[in-house]
């Protein structure tokens, strides 16, 4: 074996050892995660006679509805139900989010007054339009890593945002596909 190849082999073994040691050190030292760190557990929903985990896959469902704080149901919608017609399906007392602007594509309807981690619902960084059909304001939150603080946008009671791309994001850009958490008051 040439000196060059022996050097590469020795470097490769050393790199693996350093990587292993670094990983171990990070795993041990990384026990505490920042408040904005995310761990999705998954929301279970009833869809076509079976239970699905929304954090993993919507399995073709078009619209998922929070029936109670502990129960979600997903449905398929005919093509006519998207867009202007879809906003009418958002029930009073709900905050509804859609994948695309103008209330198009997959949608998520939230009802219980609490903090909703959208990763658990398989909807993190997906929302492009929102309707807050509630009597109270709701907050849209983009979780950030330190030293940058989380970004928040308040949707007033009855507020309709047909295109989050029109909402200016702090520091530049817009709110399209940035919502990680929704807080319903």
Protein backbone atom coordinates (compact mmCIF):
# COMPACT_ATOMS: atom_id res chain seq x y z
CA UNK A 1 0.00 0.00 0.00
CA UNK A 2 1.38 3.40 -0.93
CA UNK A 3 2.25 5.98 1.70
CA UNK A 4 -0.51 8.20 0.32
CA UNK A 5 -3.19 5.49 0.75
CA UNK A 6 -1.92 4.63 4.26
CA UNK A 7 -2.19 8.31 5.14
CA UNK A 8 -5.76 8.43 3.83
CA UNK A 9 -6.65 5.26 5.72
CA UNK A 10 -5.16 6.65 8.93
CA UNK A 11 -6.96 9.97 8.37
CA UNK A 12 -10.24 8.15 7.70
CA UNK A 13 -9.98 6.15 10.93
CA UNK A 14 -9.06 9.29 12.85
CA UNK A 15 -11.96 11.19 11.28
CA UNK A 16 -14.37 8.43 12.26
CA UNK A 17 -13.02 8.45 15.84
CA UNK A 18 -13.30 12.25 16.05
CA UNK A 19 -16.81 12.13 14.56
CA UNK A 20 -17.88 9.48 17.08
CA UNK A 21 -16.41 11.44 19.96
CA UNK A 22 -18.02 14.65 18.71
CA UNK A 23 -21.39 12.95 18.33
CA UNK A 24 -21.15 11.49 21.83
CA UNK A 25 -20.18 14.85 23.27
CA UNK A 26 -23.04 16.59 21.48
CA UNK A 27 -25.51 13.92 22.54
CA UNK A 28 -24.41 14.21 26.16
CA UNK A 29 -24.08 17.96 26.22
CA UNK A 30 -27.15 18.48 24.01
CA UNK A 31 -29.59 17.11 26.57
CA UNK A 32 -31.00 20.60 27.01
CA UNK A 33 -32.56 21.97 23.84
CA UNK A 34 -33.61 25.56 23.30
CA UNK A 35 -37.23 26.42 24.01
CA UNK A 36 -37.84 26.71 20.27
CA UNK A 37 -36.57 23.17 19.56
CA UNK A 38 -39.14 20.91 18.02
CA UNK A 39 -40.10 17.29 18.65
CA UNK A 40 -43.22 16.16 16.82
CA UNK A 41 -45.20 13.43 18.52
CA UNK A 42 -47.98 13.30 15.98
CA UNK A 43 -51.69 13.90 16.08
CA UNK A 44 -53.82 10.84 15.47
CA UNK A 45 -56.80 11.35 13.18
CA UNK A 46 -59.62 9.23 11.84
CA UNK A 47 -59.52 8.99 8.03
CA UNK A 48 -61.47 6.59 5.79
CA UNK A 49 -62.12 4.14 8.62
CA UNK A 50 -58.55 3.99 9.92
CA UNK A 51 -56.29 5.96 12.25
CA UNK A 52 -53.45 7.98 10.71
CA UNK A 53 -50.62 9.96 12.30
CA UNK A 54 -50.74 13.44 10.76
CA UNK A 55 -47.10 14.18 11.65
CA UNK A 56 -46.00 11.27 9.44
CA UNK A 57 -48.38 11.49 6.48
CA UNK A 58 -51.87 12.73 5.68
CA UNK A 59 -52.26 9.68 3.41
CA UNK A 60 -54.19 11.63 0.78
CA UNK A 61 -56.59 13.49 3.08
CA UNK A 62 -57.58 16.97 1.89
CA UNK A 63 -58.83 18.57 5.09
CA UNK A 64 -58.30 17.69 8.77
CA UNK A 65 -60.65 18.98 11.46
CA UNK A 66 -60.16 19.17 15.22
CA UNK A 67 -63.45 17.83 16.58
CA UNK A 68 -62.36 18.06 20.24
CA UNK A 69 -58.99 18.66 21.91
CA UNK A 70 -58.35 14.92 21.70
CA UNK A 71 -60.08 13.97 18.43
CA UNK A 72 -59.24 14.82 14.81
CA UNK A 73 -61.04 13.70 11.67
CA UNK A 74 -59.76 14.01 8.09
CA UNK A 75 -61.85 14.05 4.95
CA UNK A 76 -61.55 14.14 1.18
CA UNK A 77 -63.09 17.17 -0.50
CA UNK A 78 -64.40 17.44 -4.04
CA UNK A 79 -62.40 19.86 -6.23
CA UNK A 80 -65.25 22.40 -5.97
CA UNK A 81 -64.66 22.68 -2.22
CA UNK A 82 -61.32 24.47 -2.61
CA UNK A 83 -60.78 28.21 -2.96
CA UNK A 84 -63.66 30.57 -2.23
CA UNK A 85 -65.95 27.66 -1.32
CA UNK A 86 -63.39 26.27 1.17
CA UNK A 87 -63.47 29.32 3.40
CA UNK A 88 -67.19 28.70 3.91
CA UNK A 89 -66.37 25.24 5.31
CA UNK A 90 -64.33 26.78 8.14
CA UNK A 91 -66.66 26.44 11.12
CA UNK A 92 -67.39 29.26 13.52
CA UNK A 93 -65.01 29.09 16.49
CA UNK A 94 -62.16 27.73 14.34
CA UNK A 95 -58.88 28.94 12.92
CA UNK A 96 -58.35 27.41 9.49
CA UNK A 97 -55.08 27.14 7.56
CA UNK A 98 -54.57 26.17 3.92
CA UNK A 99 -51.54 24.93 2.00
CA UNK A 100 -51.87 27.50 -0.80
CA UNK A 101 -53.02 31.07 -1.07
CA UNK A 102 -56.68 31.91 -1.60
CA UNK A 103 -57.73 29.00 0.65
CA UNK A 104 -56.54 26.35 -1.83
CA UNK A 105 -55.18 22.80 -1.37
CA UNK A 106 -55.00 20.86 1.91
CA UNK A 107 -56.48 22.51 4.97
CA UNK A 108 -56.33 22.23 8.76
CA UNK A 109 -59.09 23.40 11.10
CA UNK A 110 -58.17 24.05 14.76
CA UNK A 111 -60.72 24.73 17.52
CA UNK A 112 -59.39 24.24 21.06
CA UNK A 113 -57.97 27.25 22.90
CA UNK A 114 -54.37 26.18 23.40
CA UNK A 115 -50.95 26.08 21.75
CA UNK A 116 -50.93 23.90 18.62
CA UNK A 117 -47.55 22.64 17.37
CA UNK A 118 -48.22 22.37 13.64
CA UNK A 119 -45.52 19.69 13.23
CA UNK A 120 -47.74 17.38 15.28
CA UNK A 121 -50.51 18.02 12.74
CA UNK A 122 -48.18 17.60 9.73
CA UNK A 123 -48.66 21.29 8.83
CA UNK A 124 -45.46 22.99 9.99
CA UNK A 125 -44.16 25.58 7.47
CA UNK A 126 -47.02 24.83 5.07
CA UNK A 127 -49.69 27.52 5.61
CA UNK A 128 -50.20 30.14 2.90
CA UNK A 129 -53.69 31.38 3.83
CA UNK A 130 -55.55 31.68 7.14
CA UNK A 131 -59.05 32.44 8.38
CA UNK A 132 -59.55 33.18 12.09
CA UNK A 133 -63.29 32.54 12.45
CA UNK A 134 -63.10 33.06 16.22
CA UNK A 135 -64.24 35.76 18.63
CA UNK A 136 -60.67 36.29 19.86
CA UNK A 137 -57.31 37.03 18.30
CA UNK A 138 -54.96 34.15 17.50
CA UNK A 139 -51.17 34.14 17.18
CA UNK A 140 -49.07 32.63 14.40
CA UNK A 141 -45.53 31.84 15.55
CA UNK A 142 -42.34 31.06 13.64
CA UNK A 143 -39.93 29.35 16.05
CA UNK A 144 -36.37 30.63 15.76
CA UNK A 145 -33.06 29.50 17.22
CA UNK A 146 -31.20 31.68 19.71
CA UNK A 147 -30.04 34.43 19.56
CA UNK A 148 -32.94 35.32 17.20
CA UNK A 149 -36.26 35.56 19.01
CA UNK A 150 -39.39 33.80 17.77
CA UNK A 151 -41.49 35.81 15.31
CA UNK A 152 -45.20 36.34 15.94
CA UNK A 153 -48.11 37.62 13.90
CA UNK A 154 -51.55 38.27 15.39
CA UNK A 155 -54.61 37.42 13.34
CA UNK A 156 -57.52 39.45 14.65
CA UNK A 157 -60.89 37.88 15.40
CA UNK A 158 -62.63 37.27 12.07
CA UNK A 159 -59.40 38.01 10.19
CA UNK A 160 -58.95 36.56 6.69
CA UNK A 161 -55.47 36.35 5.17
CA UNK A 162 -55.89 35.04 1.63
CA UNK A 163 -52.14 35.24 0.90
CA UNK A 164 -49.51 35.13 3.67
CA UNK A 165 -47.04 36.18 0.98
CA UNK A 166 -48.55 39.67 1.32
CA UNK A 167 -47.72 39.87 5.06
CA UNK A 168 -44.27 41.37 5.72
CA UNK A 169 -42.02 39.18 7.85
CA UNK A 170 -39.72 40.84 10.45
CA UNK A 171 -36.22 41.03 9.00
CA UNK A 172 -37.38 40.61 5.40
CA UNK A 173 -39.48 38.29 3.30
CA UNK A 174 -43.05 37.26 4.07
CA UNK A 175 -45.06 34.82 6.23
CA UNK A 176 -45.62 32.16 3.51
CA UNK A 177 -44.69 28.69 4.82
CA UNK A 178 -43.26 30.03 8.10
CA UNK A 179 -45.85 29.11 10.74
CA UNK A 180 -44.65 26.51 13.26
CA UNK A 181 -47.10 27.11 16.10
CA UNK A 182 -50.60 28.54 16.39
CA UNK A 183 -51.93 29.83 19.72
CA UNK A 184 -55.71 30.06 19.97
CA UNK A 185 -56.87 32.29 22.83
